[in-house]
Amino acid sequence: MGSTVKKVNFLLEEDVRNDLEATVPSGRRSGFVNEAIRKAILRARRRAATERLDRIKSDAKPVTSRDLVAALRKDRRSH
């Protein structure tokens, strides 16, 4: 991937460590953990974005199909 690699230290619960060691060969654990963290970060970001959208939706006034069509027509005419 071309990214800079940095060593980090963190703690794993013993059962998680045991499962990791039993499941993933030693030369592939860093890549496995990196991918797992990437996926977890993406899930957290998506969850946060969904929560923000839900807040926006709850604060916004309802829009009808007629309103949407009118806004689209107005936008198209402006170009």
C-alpha atoms as a PDB file:
ATOM      1  CA  MET A   1       0.000   0.000   0.000  1.00  0.00           C
ATOM      2  CA  GLY A   2       3.000   2.305   0.357  1.00  0.00           C
ATOM      3  CA  SER A   3       1.977   3.645   3.762  1.00  0.00           C
ATOM      4  CA  THR A   4       4.461   4.319   6.504  1.00  0.00           C
ATOM      5  CA  VAL A   5       4.371   1.583   9.091  1.00  0.00           C
ATOM      6  CA  LYS A   6       4.659   2.453  12.782  1.00  0.00           C
ATOM      7  CA  LYS A   7       4.896   0.072  15.683  1.00  0.00           C
ATOM      8  CA  VAL A   8       2.196   0.519  18.323  1.00  0.00           C
ATOM      9  CA  ASN A   9       1.580  -1.240  21.582  1.00  0.00           C
ATOM     10  CA  PHE A  10      -1.866  -2.063  22.893  1.00  0.00           C
ATOM     11  CA  LEU A  11      -3.479  -4.707  25.005  1.00  0.00           C
ATOM     12  CA  LEU A  12      -5.702  -7.536  23.824  1.00  0.00           C
ATOM     13  CA  GLU A  13      -7.922  -9.639  25.979  1.00  0.00           C
ATOM     14  CA  GLU A  14      -6.374 -13.071  26.399  1.00  0.00           C
ATOM     15  CA  ASP A  15      -9.142 -14.926  24.553  1.00  0.00           C
ATOM     16  CA  VAL A  16      -8.901 -12.511  21.607  1.00  0.00           C
ATOM     17  CA  ARG A  17      -5.119 -12.934  21.488  1.00  0.00           C
ATOM     18  CA  ASN A  18      -5.461 -16.709  21.641  1.00  0.00           C
ATOM     19  CA  ASP A  19      -8.024 -16.690  18.809  1.00  0.00           C
ATOM     20  CA  LEU A  20      -5.802 -14.396  16.725  1.00  0.00           C
ATOM     21  CA  GLU A  21      -2.785 -16.647  17.205  1.00  0.00           C
ATOM     22  CA  ALA A  22      -4.813 -19.782  16.464  1.00  0.00           C
ATOM     23  CA  THR A  23      -6.469 -18.321  13.371  1.00  0.00           C
ATOM     24  CA  VAL A  24      -3.914 -16.073  11.676  1.00  0.00           C
ATOM     25  CA  PRO A  25      -0.342 -17.154  10.850  1.00  0.00           C
ATOM     26  CA  SER A  26       2.311 -15.086  12.633  1.00  0.00           C
ATOM     27  CA  GLY A  27       3.564 -13.353   9.480  1.00  0.00           C
ATOM     28  CA  ARG A  28       0.085 -12.103   8.612  1.00  0.00           C
ATOM     29  CA  ARG A  29      -1.223 -10.813  11.942  1.00  0.00           C
ATOM     30  CA  SER A  30      -0.305  -7.156  11.430  1.00  0.00           C
ATOM     31  CA  GLY A  31      -2.155  -7.055   8.117  1.00  0.00           C
ATOM     32  CA  PHE A  32      -5.102  -8.865   9.653  1.00  0.00           C
ATOM     33  CA  VAL A  33      -5.282  -6.431  12.577  1.00  0.00           C
ATOM     34  CA  ASN A  34      -4.853  -3.412  10.257  1.00  0.00           C
ATOM     35  CA  GLU A  35      -7.756  -4.579   8.104  1.00  0.00           C
ATOM     36  CA  ALA A  36      -9.942  -5.280  11.143  1.00  0.00           C
ATOM     37  CA  ILE A  37      -9.237  -1.801  12.516  1.00  0.00           C
ATOM     38  CA  ARG A  38      -9.922  -0.190   9.128  1.00  0.00           C
ATOM     39  CA  LYS A  39     -13.297  -1.930   8.969  1.00  0.00           C
ATOM     40  CA  ALA A  40     -14.153  -0.952  12.543  1.00  0.00           C
ATOM     41  CA  ILE A  41     -13.230   2.692  11.860  1.00  0.00           C
ATOM     42  CA  LEU A  42     -15.355   2.699   8.695  1.00  0.00           C
ATOM     43  CA  ARG A  43     -18.321   1.266  10.651  1.00  0.00           C
ATOM     44  CA  ALA A  44     -17.878   3.905  13.365  1.00  0.00           C
ATOM     45  CA  ARG A  45     -17.701   6.710  10.772  1.00  0.00           C
ATOM     46  CA  ARG A  46     -20.800   5.407   8.980  1.00  0.00           C
ATOM     47  CA  ARG A  47     -22.668   5.145  12.274  1.00  0.00           C
ATOM     48  CA  ALA A  48     -21.699   8.715  13.184  1.00  0.00           C
ATOM     49  CA  ALA A  49     -22.747   9.974   9.734  1.00  0.00           C
ATOM     50  CA  THR A  50     -26.080   8.167  10.018  1.00  0.00           C
ATOM     51  CA  GLU A  51     -26.667   9.738  13.425  1.00  0.00           C
ATOM     52  CA  ARG A  52     -25.884  13.195  11.986  1.00  0.00           C
ATOM     53  CA  LEU A  53     -28.257  12.598   9.070  1.00  0.00           C
ATOM     54  CA  ASP A  54     -30.975  11.423  11.461  1.00  0.00           C
ATOM     55  CA  ARG A  55     -30.556  14.637  13.489  1.00  0.00           C
ATOM     56  CA  ILE A  56     -30.710  16.748  10.335  1.00  0.00           C
ATOM     57  CA  LYS A  57     -33.784  14.854   9.166  1.00  0.00           C
ATOM     58  CA  SER A  58     -35.562  15.350  12.480  1.00  0.00           C
ATOM     59  CA  ASP A  59     -34.826  19.109  12.365  1.00  0.00           C
ATOM     60  CA  ALA A  60     -35.789  19.630   8.710  1.00  0.00           C
ATOM     61  CA  LYS A  61     -39.247  20.452   7.457  1.00  0.00           C
ATOM     62  CA  PRO A  62     -40.961  17.796   5.316  1.00  0.00           C
ATOM     63  CA  VAL A  63     -40.527  18.145   1.549  1.00  0.00           C
ATOM     64  CA  THR A  64     -43.131  16.947  -0.925  1.00  0.00           C
ATOM     65  CA  SER A  65     -42.467  15.418  -4.323  1.00  0.00           C
ATOM     66  CA  ARG A  66     -43.885  18.579  -5.859  1.00  0.00           C
ATOM     67  CA  ASP A  67     -41.325  20.667  -3.910  1.00  0.00           C
ATOM     68  CA  LEU A  68     -38.483  18.421  -5.120  1.00  0.00           C
ATOM     69  CA  VAL A  69     -39.581  18.610  -8.762  1.00  0.00           C
ATOM     70  CA  ALA A  70     -39.866  22.395  -8.546  1.00  0.00           C
ATOM     71  CA  ALA A  71     -36.391  22.689  -7.019  1.00  0.00           C
ATOM     72  CA  LEU A  72     -34.893  20.421  -9.693  1.00  0.00           C
ATOM     73  CA  ARG A  73     -36.541  22.416 -12.490  1.00  0.00           C
ATOM     74  CA  LYS A  74     -35.304  25.672 -11.008  1.00  0.00           C
ATOM     75  CA  ASP A  75     -31.773  24.248 -10.708  1.00  0.00           C
ATOM     76  CA  ARG A  76     -31.792  22.944 -14.306  1.00  0.00           C
ATOM     77  CA  ARG A  77     -32.951  26.313 -15.634  1.00  0.00           C
ATOM     78  CA  SER A  78     -30.096  28.052 -13.808  1.00  0.00           C
ATOM     79  CA  HIS A  79     -27.416  26.229 -15.858  1.00  0.00           C
END
